[in-house]
Protein backbone atom coordinates (compact mmCIF):
# COMPACT_ATOMS: atom_id res chain seq x y z
CA MET A 1 30.62 -90.90 9.48
CA SER A 2 29.15 -94.31 9.42
CA SER A 3 26.56 -95.61 11.91
CA ARG A 4 29.18 -97.98 13.19
CA ASP A 5 31.41 -95.03 14.11
CA LEU A 6 28.56 -93.17 15.75
CA ALA A 7 27.75 -96.25 17.70
CA LEU A 8 31.31 -96.62 18.96
CA LEU A 9 31.40 -93.00 20.20
CA GLU A 10 28.09 -93.54 21.82
CA GLU A 11 29.38 -96.49 23.60
CA ARG A 12 32.56 -94.53 24.75
CA ILE A 13 30.58 -91.68 26.19
CA GLY A 14 27.88 -93.94 27.81
CA TYR A 15 24.96 -92.18 26.01
CA GLN A 16 22.84 -93.37 23.11
CA PHE A 17 21.36 -90.56 20.96
CA LYS A 18 17.72 -90.76 19.93
CA ASP A 19 18.65 -88.26 17.08
CA ARG A 20 22.05 -89.27 15.74
CA SER A 21 22.17 -86.32 13.46
CA LEU A 22 22.86 -84.20 16.53
CA LEU A 23 25.84 -86.37 17.40
CA GLN A 24 27.05 -86.09 13.83
CA GLN A 25 26.77 -82.30 13.95
CA ALA A 26 28.71 -82.25 17.22
CA VAL A 27 31.83 -83.73 15.59
CA THR A 28 31.48 -81.69 12.32
CA HIS A 29 34.03 -78.80 12.31
CA ARG A 30 33.39 -75.80 10.04
CA SER A 31 36.32 -76.61 7.90
CA TYR A 32 34.83 -80.06 6.87
CA LEU A 33 31.98 -78.24 5.29
CA ASN A 34 34.15 -76.24 2.97
CA GLU A 35 35.34 -79.59 1.35
CA HIS A 36 31.87 -81.31 1.70
CA PRO A 37 29.29 -78.69 0.92
CA ASP A 38 26.54 -81.36 0.54
CA TRP A 39 27.04 -82.69 4.09
CA PRO A 40 23.67 -83.22 5.67
CA VAL A 41 24.27 -81.53 8.92
CA GLY A 42 25.70 -78.16 9.85
CA HIS A 43 28.91 -77.43 11.77
CA ASN A 44 29.07 -77.63 15.46
CA GLU A 45 29.52 -73.96 16.60
CA ARG A 46 25.89 -73.45 17.59
CA LEU A 47 25.83 -76.64 19.70
CA GLU A 48 29.19 -75.56 21.22
CA PHE A 49 27.51 -72.18 22.32
CA LEU A 50 24.72 -74.19 23.95
CA GLY A 51 27.01 -76.78 25.50
CA ASP A 52 29.24 -74.22 27.09
CA ALA A 53 26.29 -72.72 28.96
CA VAL A 54 25.15 -76.25 30.07
CA LEU A 55 28.65 -77.25 31.16
CA GLU A 56 29.08 -74.07 33.20
CA LEU A 57 25.71 -74.55 34.89
CA VAL A 58 26.26 -78.27 35.88
CA VAL A 59 29.73 -77.43 37.29
CA THR A 60 28.38 -74.38 39.10
CA GLU A 61 25.50 -76.37 40.66
CA TYR A 62 27.88 -79.15 41.80
CA LEU A 63 30.18 -76.65 43.43
CA TYR A 64 27.37 -74.85 45.15
CA GLU A 65 25.94 -78.13 46.50
CA HIS A 66 29.20 -79.83 47.52
CA TYR A 67 31.29 -77.00 48.83
CA PRO A 68 28.89 -74.83 50.98
CA SER A 69 31.42 -72.95 52.88
CA THR A 70 33.89 -72.20 50.03
CA PRO A 71 33.86 -68.54 48.95
CA GLU A 72 32.42 -67.57 45.58
CA GLY A 73 35.72 -66.29 44.25
CA GLU A 74 37.54 -69.64 44.97
CA MET A 75 34.79 -71.65 43.40
CA THR A 76 34.97 -69.40 40.29
CA ASN A 77 38.74 -70.23 40.06
CA TRP A 78 37.99 -73.95 40.47
CA ARG A 79 35.39 -73.87 37.68
CA ALA A 80 37.68 -71.95 35.35
CA ALA A 81 40.33 -74.51 35.81
CA LEU A 82 37.86 -77.33 35.12
CA VAL A 83 36.44 -75.93 31.94
CA ASN A 84 39.47 -74.26 30.35
CA ALA A 85 40.60 -75.45 26.92
CA THR A 86 43.53 -77.36 28.06
CA MET A 87 41.48 -79.47 30.67
CA LEU A 88 38.69 -80.07 28.26
CA SER A 89 40.86 -81.21 25.43
CA GLY A 90 42.71 -83.57 27.63
CA ILE A 91 39.39 -84.97 28.92
CA THR A 92 38.41 -85.81 25.30
CA ASN A 93 41.17 -88.46 25.30
CA ASP A 94 39.02 -90.42 27.72
CA PHE A 95 36.64 -91.39 24.84
CA ASP A 96 38.98 -90.68 21.87
CA LEU A 97 36.88 -87.86 20.52
CA ASN A 98 39.71 -86.94 18.20
CA ALA A 99 39.24 -90.19 16.17
CA HIS A 100 35.69 -89.18 15.49
CA MET A 101 36.20 -85.55 14.42
CA LEU A 102 35.25 -84.53 10.81
CA LEU A 103 37.86 -81.92 9.80
CA SER A 104 39.16 -80.53 6.53
CA ARG A 105 42.35 -82.19 5.22
CA GLY A 106 44.41 -79.12 6.39
CA GLU A 107 42.92 -79.17 9.88
CA ALA A 108 43.38 -82.88 10.23
CA ARG A 109 47.12 -82.49 9.63
CA ASP A 110 47.51 -79.89 12.56
CA THR A 111 47.98 -81.74 15.79
CA GLY A 112 49.19 -78.64 17.88
CA ARG A 113 47.43 -76.06 19.96
CA ALA A 114 44.91 -75.37 17.35
CA ARG A 115 43.64 -78.95 17.56
CA GLN A 116 43.50 -78.57 21.34
CA TYR A 117 40.87 -75.77 20.88
CA ILE A 118 38.91 -77.70 18.21
CA LEU A 119 38.64 -80.64 20.65
CA ALA A 120 37.74 -78.37 23.59
CA ASN A 121 34.98 -76.79 21.61
CA ALA A 122 33.84 -80.14 20.28
CA ILE A 123 33.27 -81.49 23.76
CA GLU A 124 31.07 -78.47 24.46
CA ALA A 125 29.24 -79.14 21.30
CA LEU A 126 28.79 -82.86 22.32
CA ILE A 127 27.26 -81.52 25.57
CA GLY A 128 24.96 -79.29 23.66
CA ALA A 129 23.85 -82.13 21.47
CA MET A 130 23.22 -84.22 24.48
CA TYR A 131 21.11 -81.55 26.09
CA LEU A 132 18.82 -81.21 23.00
CA ASP A 133 18.63 -85.00 22.77
CA GLY A 134 18.23 -86.14 26.37
CA GLY A 135 17.99 -83.08 28.48
CA TYR A 136 19.73 -81.64 31.54
CA GLN A 137 20.02 -84.97 33.41
CA ALA A 138 21.88 -86.72 30.53
CA CYS A 139 24.43 -83.90 30.54
CA LYS A 140 24.78 -83.95 34.38
CA THR A 141 25.59 -87.76 34.19
CA PHE A 142 28.13 -87.09 31.38
CA ILE A 143 29.81 -84.21 32.97
CA GLY A 144 29.85 -85.99 36.30
CA GLN A 145 31.65 -88.98 34.83
CA PHE A 146 34.11 -87.25 32.57
CA VAL A 147 34.73 -83.66 33.87
CA LEU A 148 33.89 -83.43 37.57
CA THR A 149 36.18 -86.42 38.37
CA HIS A 150 39.20 -84.04 37.72
CA LEU A 151 38.14 -81.54 40.39
CA PRO A 152 39.88 -83.15 43.35
CA ASP A 153 43.24 -83.11 41.41
CA ILE A 154 42.68 -79.46 40.68
CA ILE A 155 42.01 -78.64 44.33
CA SER A 156 44.77 -80.71 45.77
CA LYS A 157 47.40 -79.60 43.31
CA LYS A 158 46.14 -75.95 43.28
CA LEU A 159 45.84 -75.91 39.57
CA TYR A 160 43.01 -73.41 39.94
CA ARG A 161 45.47 -70.58 40.55
CA ASP A 162 45.29 -67.95 37.72
CA PRO A 163 48.15 -68.72 35.43
CA LYS A 164 48.92 -65.15 34.58
CA SER A 165 49.18 -64.06 38.19
CA LEU A 166 51.12 -67.15 39.06
CA LEU A 167 53.61 -66.52 36.33
CA GLN A 168 54.14 -62.96 37.39
CA GLU A 169 54.75 -64.10 40.86
CA GLU A 170 57.17 -66.74 39.82
CA ALA A 171 59.06 -64.54 37.36
CA GLN A 172 59.41 -61.63 39.71
CA GLU A 173 60.67 -63.90 42.51
CA ARG A 174 62.98 -66.25 40.39
CA ILE A 175 64.56 -63.87 37.94
CA GLY A 176 63.34 -60.29 38.85
CA VAL A 177 61.36 -59.89 35.60
CA THR A 178 57.69 -58.89 34.99
CA PRO A 179 56.20 -60.75 32.03
CA THR A 180 55.00 -58.78 29.02
CA TYR A 181 52.46 -59.99 26.44
CA GLN A 182 52.28 -59.34 22.78
CA VAL A 183 49.73 -60.20 20.18
CA MET A 184 51.42 -62.35 17.50
CA GLU A 185 48.53 -63.15 15.19
CA GLU A 186 44.83 -62.57 15.11
CA TRP A 187 42.18 -63.98 12.59
CA GLY A 188 38.49 -64.88 12.04
CA PRO A 189 35.28 -62.88 11.78
CA ASP A 190 34.25 -60.54 14.42
CA HIS A 191 31.84 -62.92 16.06
CA ALA A 192 34.55 -65.67 16.32
CA ARG A 193 37.83 -63.77 16.64
CA GLN A 194 40.93 -65.72 17.50
CA PHE A 195 44.06 -64.44 19.11
CA LYS A 196 47.54 -65.86 19.39
CA ILE A 197 49.62 -64.08 22.05
CA GLY A 198 53.17 -64.53 23.24
CA VAL A 199 54.53 -63.95 26.75
CA TYR A 200 58.01 -62.68 27.09
CA LEU A 201 60.43 -62.75 30.01
CA GLY A 202 62.76 -59.94 28.95
CA ARG A 203 63.59 -60.92 25.31
CA GLU A 204 62.73 -64.51 25.78
CA LEU A 205 59.57 -65.92 24.23
CA ALA A 206 58.54 -68.16 27.16
CA GLY A 207 55.07 -69.27 26.07
CA GLU A 208 52.36 -68.91 23.45
CA GLY A 209 48.50 -69.13 23.88
CA GLN A 210 45.49 -69.01 21.77
CA GLY A 211 41.98 -67.80 22.56
CA GLN A 212 38.70 -66.23 21.65
CA SER A 213 39.73 -63.06 23.59
CA LYS A 214 43.03 -61.46 24.34
CA GLN A 215 42.56 -62.24 27.99
CA ASP A 216 42.00 -65.96 27.34
CA ALA A 217 45.06 -66.00 25.06
CA GLN A 218 47.20 -64.37 27.66
CA GLN A 219 46.07 -66.99 30.27
CA ALA A 220 46.82 -69.74 27.86
CA ALA A 221 50.24 -68.27 27.05
CA ALA A 222 51.09 -67.86 30.81
CA GLU A 223 50.12 -71.54 31.37
CA ASP A 224 52.33 -72.67 28.51
CA ALA A 225 55.21 -70.55 29.95
CA LEU A 226 54.75 -72.09 33.46
CA SER A 227 54.88 -75.51 31.78
CA ASN A 228 57.98 -74.75 29.73
CA LYS A 229 59.76 -73.27 32.69
CA GLY A 230 58.61 -76.03 35.09
CA TRP A 231 57.39 -73.26 37.60
CA GLY A 232 54.54 -73.39 39.92
CA GLY A 233 53.91 -77.17 40.00
CA ARG A 234 52.41 -77.07 36.52
């Protein structure tokens, strides 16, 4: 990635890195290194691990300070809706992170749900890189501008409701069926396992979801089913 490309991404996110190698690492997917073994920086998974924790802390702190009378359980649901893969991947469109990702040729061709997870992980890696480069305040500013601005919409449209529970309510009420979930595929090493799960309404495959745990994949599948069916305002 050229200095010009890095500068453009910095302009879009509103933060200039002192150490640009951190930014470069944040947009480097593991698959890219398979084709470019001499690439000067590592892949972004360690930064993603760090950024995930920073993101959760910033959002939690904001909720704690701005919603003093809201019960813990409800704030937990709000936070989950704000930092899930679907929301985060959508947020990356605001600064066109996809255009800056370094991927293998195979990954670059995939524009489906797998890309959604790559982008969600990459924004967490970006936050991790920002934390190492500029500290907590830099992350707080970025998250406030790009992530927390979506909170009012989540609250007003009740998008924080657990998709799996909501799908069960809707399916039982509308068609008298309880959803069932099946693992369709699983792959990856033990420390980074990925699951693809389908949710069925009777014999109908209503939705599919992917996640790093079966529970996450079930929630993603339920959300996909709600969207496909046009149920629950999603």
